[in-house]
Amino acid sequence: KETVRLIAAGASDMMGPALVVMLAGGVSVIMTNTQTLDTILYSMERLVSGASAGFFVFLTVLVNIPLAALIPSSSGHGALAMPLLAPLADFAQVSRANTITAWVMGHGLALMMAPTSVVLVGGLAIAKVGYNKYLRFVWPLLLALFIVSTLMIGAAATFE
C-alpha cells in the first residue's frame, strides 16, 4: 500500500513538467501545420544570412534567455526552440553542435535568475533568502557568465 502511495506521489510530481512538454510540442505542431514556422524561418533566414557565425550564436544565447524564463522546462523549451534553431543554424552555416551549446547556455543562464524556475525559487525558500536579495547578490556573476560564455561559443562557432 505504501509503495503504491509513493508511486502515485512521484507520478503527480511529474504531471506539471509532462504538461509543459506536451503543450510545447503542441505549439510546435500548430506552428508547423499552419506554416507559421516556415514564415518565421523565412524572416529569420533573411536576418541571419550574411551574419557571422559568432553573431548568430550570440543571438541564439540572447533570444533563448527570455524564452527559458517563460518556459523553464528544458525539454519543453527545447521542443519549442529546436525546430526553429536547427534550420536557422543551417542557413547561417553554424554547426548544430554550436547552436545547441548556445541554446543550453541561454537556458542555463536564464534558470539561474528566472522567477519561474522551480529549483531556484524552491532553493531560495528553503534558504529563507528573498528573490530580490538573491538577484542583487548574483547579477554580477550572471553578467560575467554571460560575457564569458558568449565569447567562448562565439569563438567556437567562428573557428570551426
N, C-alpha and C. Protein backbone atom coordinates (compact mmCIF):
# COMPACT_ATOMS: atom_id res chain seq x y z
N LYS A 1 0.84 -1.20 0.00
CA LYS A 1 0.00 0.00 0.00
C LYS A 1 0.88 1.26 0.00
N GLU A 2 1.95 1.25 0.82
CA GLU A 2 2.85 2.40 0.90
C GLU A 2 3.60 2.60 -0.42
N THR A 3 3.98 1.51 -1.07
CA THR A 3 4.68 1.60 -2.35
C THR A 3 3.79 2.25 -3.41
N VAL A 4 2.53 1.85 -3.45
CA VAL A 4 1.59 2.44 -4.41
C VAL A 4 1.40 3.92 -4.12
N ARG A 5 1.32 4.30 -2.85
CA ARG A 5 1.17 5.71 -2.48
C ARG A 5 2.38 6.52 -2.94
N LEU A 6 3.57 5.98 -2.74
CA LEU A 6 4.79 6.69 -3.15
C LEU A 6 4.89 6.81 -4.66
N ILE A 7 4.49 5.78 -5.39
CA ILE A 7 4.49 5.84 -6.85
C ILE A 7 3.51 6.91 -7.33
N ALA A 8 2.33 6.96 -6.72
CA ALA A 8 1.33 7.96 -7.10
C ALA A 8 1.83 9.37 -6.78
N ALA A 9 2.49 9.53 -5.64
CA ALA A 9 3.03 10.85 -5.28
C ALA A 9 4.11 11.27 -6.27
N GLY A 10 4.96 10.34 -6.65
CA GLY A 10 6.01 10.64 -7.63
C GLY A 10 5.43 10.97 -9.00
N ALA A 11 4.41 10.24 -9.39
CA ALA A 11 3.77 10.49 -10.69
C ALA A 11 3.09 11.86 -10.69
N SER A 12 2.49 12.24 -9.57
CA SER A 12 1.83 13.55 -9.52
C SER A 12 2.85 14.69 -9.61
N ASP A 13 4.06 14.46 -9.10
CA ASP A 13 5.11 15.47 -9.23
C ASP A 13 5.54 15.68 -10.67
N MET A 14 5.37 14.66 -11.49
CA MET A 14 5.81 14.73 -12.89
C MET A 14 4.72 15.26 -13.83
N MET A 15 3.52 15.47 -13.33
CA MET A 15 2.43 15.92 -14.20
C MET A 15 2.70 17.32 -14.75
N GLY A 16 3.21 18.23 -13.93
CA GLY A 16 3.49 19.59 -14.39
C GLY A 16 4.50 19.62 -15.53
N PRO A 17 5.69 19.03 -15.33
CA PRO A 17 6.66 19.00 -16.44
C PRO A 17 6.13 18.27 -17.67
N ALA A 18 5.38 17.20 -17.47
CA ALA A 18 4.83 16.46 -18.62
C ALA A 18 3.87 17.34 -19.42
N LEU A 19 3.06 18.11 -18.73
CA LEU A 19 2.12 19.02 -19.41
C LEU A 19 2.87 20.11 -20.17
N VAL A 20 3.94 20.64 -19.60
CA VAL A 20 4.72 21.68 -20.27
C VAL A 20 5.31 21.13 -21.56
N VAL A 21 5.89 19.93 -21.51
CA VAL A 21 6.47 19.32 -22.70
C VAL A 21 5.38 19.08 -23.75
N MET A 22 4.24 18.59 -23.30
CA MET A 22 3.14 18.30 -24.21
C MET A 22 2.63 19.60 -24.87
N LEU A 23 2.47 20.65 -24.09
CA LEU A 23 1.99 21.92 -24.65
C LEU A 23 3.00 22.53 -25.61
N ALA A 24 4.29 22.46 -25.26
CA ALA A 24 5.32 22.98 -26.17
C ALA A 24 5.34 22.17 -27.47
N GLY A 25 5.19 20.88 -27.36
CA GLY A 25 5.10 20.05 -28.56
C GLY A 25 3.88 20.40 -29.39
N GLY A 26 2.77 20.69 -28.71
CA GLY A 26 1.54 21.10 -29.40
C GLY A 26 1.72 22.42 -30.13
N VAL A 27 2.38 23.37 -29.49
CA VAL A 27 2.67 24.66 -30.14
C VAL A 27 3.54 24.43 -31.37
N SER A 28 4.53 23.56 -31.24
CA SER A 28 5.41 23.26 -32.37
C SER A 28 4.62 22.64 -33.52
N VAL A 29 3.72 21.71 -33.23
CA VAL A 29 2.89 21.08 -34.28
C VAL A 29 1.99 22.13 -34.93
N ILE A 30 1.37 22.98 -34.13
CA ILE A 30 0.50 24.03 -34.67
C ILE A 30 1.30 24.98 -35.56
N MET A 31 2.51 25.36 -35.09
CA MET A 31 3.34 26.26 -35.89
C MET A 31 3.75 25.60 -37.21
N THR A 32 4.00 24.30 -37.20
CA THR A 32 4.39 23.60 -38.42
C THR A 32 3.19 23.45 -39.36
N ASN A 33 2.05 23.01 -38.84
CA ASN A 33 0.87 22.76 -39.68
C ASN A 33 0.26 24.03 -40.26
N THR A 34 0.37 25.13 -39.58
CA THR A 34 -0.17 26.40 -40.09
C THR A 34 0.86 27.18 -40.90
N GLN A 35 2.02 26.60 -41.07
CA GLN A 35 3.13 27.18 -41.81
C GLN A 35 3.64 28.47 -41.15
N THR A 36 3.28 28.67 -39.88
CA THR A 36 3.81 29.80 -39.14
C THR A 36 5.31 29.63 -38.96
N LEU A 37 5.75 28.40 -38.70
CA LEU A 37 7.17 28.14 -38.53
C LEU A 37 7.93 28.49 -39.80
N ASP A 38 7.35 28.17 -40.96
CA ASP A 38 8.01 28.50 -42.23
C ASP A 38 8.13 30.01 -42.41
N THR A 39 7.10 30.74 -42.02
CA THR A 39 7.14 32.20 -42.13
C THR A 39 8.20 32.79 -41.22
N ILE A 40 8.24 32.29 -39.99
CA ILE A 40 9.25 32.77 -39.03
C ILE A 40 10.64 32.42 -39.54
N LEU A 41 10.81 31.19 -40.03
CA LEU A 41 12.11 30.77 -40.55
C LEU A 41 12.55 31.64 -41.73
N TYR A 42 11.63 31.94 -42.62
CA TYR A 42 11.97 32.76 -43.77
C TYR A 42 12.42 34.16 -43.33
N SER A 43 11.67 34.74 -42.39
CA SER A 43 12.03 36.08 -41.90
C SER A 43 13.38 36.05 -41.19
N MET A 44 13.57 35.05 -40.36
CA MET A 44 14.83 34.98 -39.61
C MET A 44 16.00 34.58 -40.51
N GLU A 45 15.72 33.81 -41.55
CA GLU A 45 16.78 33.46 -42.50
C GLU A 45 17.32 34.73 -43.15
N ARG A 46 16.44 35.64 -43.49
CA ARG A 46 16.87 36.91 -44.09
C ARG A 46 17.71 37.71 -43.11
N LEU A 47 17.39 37.61 -41.80
CA LEU A 47 18.16 38.32 -40.79
C LEU A 47 19.55 37.74 -40.60
N VAL A 48 19.65 36.40 -40.61
CA VAL A 48 20.94 35.78 -40.32
C VAL A 48 21.81 35.57 -41.55
N SER A 49 21.22 35.68 -42.75
CA SER A 49 22.05 35.49 -43.93
C SER A 49 23.08 36.62 -43.99
N GLY A 50 24.31 36.22 -44.13
CA GLY A 50 25.39 37.20 -44.15
C GLY A 50 25.96 37.53 -42.78
N ALA A 51 25.27 37.10 -41.73
CA ALA A 51 25.77 37.36 -40.37
C ALA A 51 26.89 36.36 -40.07
N SER A 52 27.82 36.79 -39.24
CA SER A 52 28.91 35.90 -38.87
C SER A 52 28.40 34.79 -37.96
N ALA A 53 29.15 33.70 -37.91
CA ALA A 53 28.78 32.57 -37.05
C ALA A 53 28.78 32.99 -35.59
N GLY A 54 29.76 33.81 -35.20
CA GLY A 54 29.83 34.29 -33.82
C GLY A 54 28.62 35.12 -33.44
N PHE A 55 28.18 35.98 -34.35
CA PHE A 55 27.00 36.81 -34.08
C PHE A 55 25.74 35.95 -33.98
N PHE A 56 25.66 34.90 -34.83
CA PHE A 56 24.50 34.01 -34.79
C PHE A 56 24.37 33.31 -33.44
N VAL A 57 25.48 32.77 -32.94
CA VAL A 57 25.38 32.08 -31.65
C VAL A 57 25.14 33.05 -30.51
N PHE A 58 25.66 34.28 -30.62
CA PHE A 58 25.36 35.31 -29.62
C PHE A 58 23.86 35.59 -29.60
N LEU A 59 23.26 35.74 -30.78
CA LEU A 59 21.81 35.96 -30.85
C LEU A 59 21.04 34.76 -30.31
N THR A 60 21.55 33.57 -30.56
CA THR A 60 20.89 32.36 -30.06
C THR A 60 20.84 32.37 -28.54
N VAL A 61 21.97 32.70 -27.90
CA VAL A 61 22.00 32.78 -26.44
C VAL A 61 21.04 33.87 -25.97
N LEU A 62 21.11 35.03 -26.60
CA LEU A 62 20.31 36.18 -26.18
C LEU A 62 18.81 35.93 -26.31
N VAL A 63 18.39 35.32 -27.40
CA VAL A 63 16.98 35.05 -27.63
C VAL A 63 16.45 33.98 -26.67
N ASN A 64 17.30 33.02 -26.33
CA ASN A 64 16.82 31.92 -25.50
C ASN A 64 16.76 32.24 -24.02
N ILE A 65 17.35 33.33 -23.59
CA ILE A 65 17.25 33.69 -22.17
C ILE A 65 15.81 34.05 -21.80
N PRO A 66 15.15 34.98 -22.51
CA PRO A 66 13.75 35.24 -22.13
C PRO A 66 12.82 34.06 -22.41
N LEU A 67 13.12 33.30 -23.47
CA LEU A 67 12.31 32.13 -23.77
C LEU A 67 12.38 31.12 -22.64
N ALA A 68 13.57 30.92 -22.09
CA ALA A 68 13.73 29.97 -20.99
C ALA A 68 13.06 30.47 -19.72
N ALA A 69 13.00 31.78 -19.55
CA ALA A 69 12.31 32.32 -18.38
C ALA A 69 10.81 32.05 -18.49
N LEU A 70 10.29 32.08 -19.71
CA LEU A 70 8.87 31.79 -19.91
C LEU A 70 8.56 30.30 -19.87
N ILE A 71 9.52 29.50 -20.36
CA ILE A 71 9.34 28.04 -20.39
C ILE A 71 10.53 27.43 -19.65
N PRO A 72 10.45 27.30 -18.33
CA PRO A 72 11.60 26.83 -17.56
C PRO A 72 11.92 25.35 -17.75
N SER A 73 11.02 24.58 -18.31
CA SER A 73 11.29 23.17 -18.57
C SER A 73 12.26 23.07 -19.74
N SER A 74 13.41 22.43 -19.52
CA SER A 74 14.40 22.34 -20.60
C SER A 74 13.86 21.52 -21.77
N SER A 75 13.13 20.47 -21.50
CA SER A 75 12.59 19.68 -22.61
C SER A 75 11.47 20.43 -23.32
N GLY A 76 10.65 21.15 -22.59
CA GLY A 76 9.60 21.96 -23.23
C GLY A 76 10.19 23.09 -24.05
N HIS A 77 11.21 23.75 -23.49
CA HIS A 77 11.89 24.83 -24.20
C HIS A 77 12.57 24.29 -25.45
N GLY A 78 13.22 23.13 -25.32
CA GLY A 78 13.87 22.52 -26.47
C GLY A 78 12.88 22.12 -27.55
N ALA A 79 11.74 21.58 -27.14
CA ALA A 79 10.72 21.17 -28.11
C ALA A 79 10.18 22.37 -28.88
N LEU A 80 10.17 23.52 -28.26
CA LEU A 80 9.69 24.73 -28.92
C LEU A 80 10.77 25.40 -29.75
N ALA A 81 12.00 25.45 -29.23
CA ALA A 81 13.06 26.22 -29.87
C ALA A 81 13.81 25.46 -30.96
N MET A 82 14.04 24.18 -30.78
CA MET A 82 14.89 23.45 -31.72
C MET A 82 14.35 23.36 -33.15
N PRO A 83 13.02 23.20 -33.35
CA PRO A 83 12.54 23.19 -34.74
C PRO A 83 12.85 24.50 -35.47
N LEU A 84 13.04 25.57 -34.73
CA LEU A 84 13.38 26.86 -35.32
C LEU A 84 14.89 27.04 -35.44
N LEU A 85 15.62 26.64 -34.39
CA LEU A 85 17.06 26.89 -34.36
C LEU A 85 17.86 25.99 -35.31
N ALA A 86 17.45 24.74 -35.47
CA ALA A 86 18.22 23.82 -36.32
C ALA A 86 18.29 24.30 -37.77
N PRO A 87 17.15 24.64 -38.41
CA PRO A 87 17.26 25.14 -39.78
C PRO A 87 17.96 26.50 -39.86
N LEU A 88 17.75 27.34 -38.85
CA LEU A 88 18.44 28.64 -38.85
C LEU A 88 19.95 28.45 -38.79
N ALA A 89 20.40 27.49 -38.01
CA ALA A 89 21.84 27.21 -37.93
C ALA A 89 22.35 26.77 -39.30
N ASP A 90 21.55 25.99 -40.01
CA ASP A 90 21.94 25.57 -41.35
C ASP A 90 22.05 26.77 -42.28
N PHE A 91 21.07 27.69 -42.20
CA PHE A 91 21.10 28.89 -43.04
C PHE A 91 22.33 29.74 -42.73
N ALA A 92 22.66 29.84 -41.44
CA ALA A 92 23.79 30.68 -41.02
C ALA A 92 25.12 29.95 -41.14
N GLN A 93 25.07 28.69 -41.55
CA GLN A 93 26.26 27.85 -41.70
C GLN A 93 27.02 27.71 -40.38
N VAL A 94 26.25 27.49 -39.32
CA VAL A 94 26.80 27.22 -37.99
C VAL A 94 26.46 25.78 -37.66
N SER A 95 27.41 25.06 -37.09
CA SER A 95 27.14 23.66 -36.78
C SER A 95 26.00 23.55 -35.76
N ARG A 96 25.28 22.49 -35.85
CA ARG A 96 24.18 22.28 -34.91
C ARG A 96 24.71 22.08 -33.50
N ALA A 97 25.91 21.53 -33.38
CA ALA A 97 26.50 21.34 -32.05
C ALA A 97 26.72 22.70 -31.38
N ASN A 98 27.24 23.67 -32.11
CA ASN A 98 27.43 25.01 -31.53
C ASN A 98 26.10 25.69 -31.24
N THR A 99 25.11 25.44 -32.08
CA THR A 99 23.79 26.03 -31.85
C THR A 99 23.17 25.45 -30.59
N ILE A 100 23.30 24.15 -30.40
CA ILE A 100 22.76 23.52 -29.20
C ILE A 100 23.50 24.02 -27.96
N THR A 101 24.81 24.17 -28.07
CA THR A 101 25.59 24.70 -26.95
C THR A 101 25.13 26.11 -26.60
N ALA A 102 24.89 26.94 -27.61
CA ALA A 102 24.40 28.30 -27.36
C ALA A 102 23.01 28.26 -26.72
N TRP A 103 22.17 27.34 -27.18
CA TRP A 103 20.84 27.20 -26.59
C TRP A 103 20.94 26.81 -25.11
N VAL A 104 21.81 25.85 -24.83
CA VAL A 104 21.99 25.38 -23.45
C VAL A 104 22.51 26.53 -22.57
N MET A 105 23.44 27.30 -23.10
CA MET A 105 23.97 28.43 -22.31
C MET A 105 22.88 29.44 -21.99
N GLY A 106 22.08 29.78 -22.99
CA GLY A 106 20.98 30.72 -22.75
C GLY A 106 19.98 30.17 -21.75
N HIS A 107 19.66 28.90 -21.90
CA HIS A 107 18.70 28.27 -21.00
C HIS A 107 19.24 28.21 -19.57
N GLY A 108 20.48 27.79 -19.44
CA GLY A 108 21.08 27.68 -18.11
C GLY A 108 21.21 29.03 -17.41
N LEU A 109 21.63 30.05 -18.15
CA LEU A 109 21.75 31.38 -17.54
C LEU A 109 20.38 31.90 -17.10
N ALA A 110 19.38 31.65 -17.91
CA ALA A 110 18.04 32.11 -17.56
C ALA A 110 17.53 31.43 -16.29
N LEU A 111 17.79 30.14 -16.17
CA LEU A 111 17.28 29.42 -15.00
C LEU A 111 17.98 29.82 -13.71
N MET A 112 19.14 30.48 -13.82
CA MET A 112 19.81 30.95 -12.61
C MET A 112 19.23 32.28 -12.13
N MET A 113 18.29 32.85 -12.90
CA MET A 113 17.71 34.12 -12.47
C MET A 113 16.19 34.18 -12.65
N ALA A 114 15.61 33.21 -13.33
CA ALA A 114 14.18 33.26 -13.65
C ALA A 114 13.31 32.95 -12.44
N PRO A 115 12.34 33.81 -12.18
CA PRO A 115 11.41 33.53 -11.07
C PRO A 115 10.49 32.36 -11.38
N THR A 116 10.51 31.87 -12.61
CA THR A 116 9.69 30.71 -12.98
C THR A 116 10.43 29.40 -12.74
N SER A 117 11.71 29.46 -12.36
CA SER A 117 12.49 28.25 -12.10
C SER A 117 12.12 27.69 -10.74
N VAL A 118 11.52 26.52 -10.75
CA VAL A 118 11.08 25.88 -9.51
C VAL A 118 12.28 25.60 -8.61
N VAL A 119 13.38 25.16 -9.19
CA VAL A 119 14.56 24.84 -8.40
C VAL A 119 15.10 26.09 -7.71
N LEU A 120 15.20 27.19 -8.44
CA LEU A 120 15.71 28.43 -7.87
C LEU A 120 14.79 28.96 -6.77
N VAL A 121 13.51 29.08 -7.08
CA VAL A 121 12.57 29.64 -6.11
C VAL A 121 12.43 28.70 -4.91
N GLY A 122 12.42 27.41 -5.15
CA GLY A 122 12.35 26.45 -4.04
C GLY A 122 13.59 26.52 -3.17
N GLY A 123 14.77 26.61 -3.80
CA GLY A 123 16.01 26.73 -3.04
C GLY A 123 16.07 28.00 -2.23
N LEU A 124 15.60 29.09 -2.81
CA LEU A 124 15.58 30.36 -2.07
C LEU A 124 14.61 30.29 -0.89
N ALA A 125 13.49 29.62 -1.08
CA ALA A 125 12.52 29.47 0.01
C ALA A 125 13.11 28.63 1.14
N ILE A 126 13.79 27.56 0.78
CA ILE A 126 14.40 26.71 1.80
C ILE A 126 15.48 27.47 2.55
N ALA A 127 16.27 28.28 1.81
CA ALA A 127 17.35 29.05 2.44
C ALA A 127 16.84 30.31 3.12
N LYS A 128 15.55 30.61 2.93
CA LYS A 128 14.94 31.82 3.50
C LYS A 128 15.67 33.09 3.02
N VAL A 129 15.91 33.12 1.70
CA VAL A 129 16.54 34.27 1.06
C VAL A 129 15.53 34.85 0.08
N GLY A 130 15.31 36.15 0.16
CA GLY A 130 14.38 36.81 -0.76
C GLY A 130 14.92 36.82 -2.18
N TYR A 131 14.00 36.77 -3.14
CA TYR A 131 14.39 36.77 -4.54
C TYR A 131 15.16 38.04 -4.91
N ASN A 132 14.69 39.19 -4.43
CA ASN A 132 15.38 40.45 -4.74
C ASN A 132 16.78 40.50 -4.13
N LYS A 133 16.93 39.96 -2.95
CA LYS A 133 18.26 39.91 -2.33
C LYS A 133 19.18 38.99 -3.13
N TYR A 134 18.66 37.87 -3.58
CA TYR A 134 19.42 36.93 -4.39
C TYR A 134 19.90 37.61 -5.68
N LEU A 135 18.98 38.30 -6.37
CA LEU A 135 19.35 38.94 -7.63
C LEU A 135 20.42 40.02 -7.43
N ARG A 136 20.30 40.80 -6.36
CA ARG A 136 21.33 41.83 -6.08
C ARG A 136 22.69 41.19 -5.88
N PHE A 137 22.72 40.03 -5.27
CA PHE A 137 23.98 39.35 -4.99
C PHE A 137 24.55 38.68 -6.24
N VAL A 138 23.69 38.08 -7.07
CA VAL A 138 24.17 37.21 -8.14
C VAL A 138 24.29 37.89 -9.50
N TRP A 139 23.72 39.08 -9.71
CA TRP A 139 23.74 39.66 -11.05
C TRP A 139 25.15 39.89 -11.60
N PRO A 140 26.16 40.28 -10.79
CA PRO A 140 27.50 40.42 -11.40
C PRO A 140 28.04 39.08 -11.91
N LEU A 141 27.77 38.02 -11.17
CA LEU A 141 28.19 36.69 -11.62
C LEU A 141 27.48 36.29 -12.90
N LEU A 142 26.18 36.52 -12.97
CA LEU A 142 25.42 36.18 -14.17
C LEU A 142 25.90 36.97 -15.38
N LEU A 143 26.20 38.24 -15.18
CA LEU A 143 26.72 39.06 -16.27
C LEU A 143 28.07 38.52 -16.74
N ALA A 144 28.95 38.20 -15.81
CA ALA A 144 30.26 37.64 -16.16
C ALA A 144 30.11 36.31 -16.89
N LEU A 145 29.21 35.45 -16.41
CA LEU A 145 28.98 34.17 -17.08
C LEU A 145 28.43 34.37 -18.49
N PHE A 146 27.56 35.34 -18.65
CA PHE A 146 27.01 35.64 -19.97
C PHE A 146 28.11 36.09 -20.92
N ILE A 147 28.95 36.99 -20.46
CA ILE A 147 30.03 37.51 -21.31
C ILE A 147 31.01 36.39 -21.68
N VAL A 148 31.47 35.66 -20.68
CA VAL A 148 32.45 34.59 -20.94
C VAL A 148 31.84 33.51 -21.83
N SER A 149 30.62 33.10 -21.55
CA SER A 149 30.02 32.01 -22.33
C SER A 149 29.77 32.43 -23.77
N THR A 150 29.29 33.66 -23.98
CA THR A 150 29.06 34.09 -25.37
C THR A 150 30.37 34.27 -26.12
N LEU A 151 31.40 34.73 -25.45
CA LEU A 151 32.71 34.84 -26.11
C LEU A 151 33.24 33.44 -26.49
N MET A 152 33.09 32.50 -25.58
CA MET A 152 33.58 31.14 -25.86
C MET A 152 32.83 30.48 -26.99
N ILE A 153 31.49 30.55 -26.96
CA ILE A 153 30.73 29.90 -28.02
C ILE A 153 30.88 30.66 -29.33
N GLY A 154 31.04 31.97 -29.24
CA GLY A 154 31.29 32.77 -30.46
C GLY A 154 32.61 32.38 -31.11
N ALA A 155 33.64 32.21 -30.29
CA ALA A 155 34.94 31.78 -30.82
C ALA A 155 34.85 30.37 -31.40
N ALA A 156 34.12 29.50 -30.72
CA ALA A 156 33.97 28.12 -31.23
C ALA A 156 33.27 28.11 -32.57
N ALA A 157 32.23 28.92 -32.70
CA ALA A 157 31.48 28.97 -33.97
C ALA A 157 32.30 29.63 -35.07
N THR A 158 33.08 30.63 -34.72
CA THR A 158 33.86 31.36 -35.72
C THR A 158 34.99 30.51 -36.27
N PHE A 159 35.62 29.73 -35.40
CA PHE A 159 36.82 28.98 -35.80
C PHE A 159 36.55 27.50 -36.07
N GLU A 160 35.30 27.13 -36.29
CA GLU A 160 35.02 25.70 -36.56
C GLU A 160 35.33 25.34 -37.98
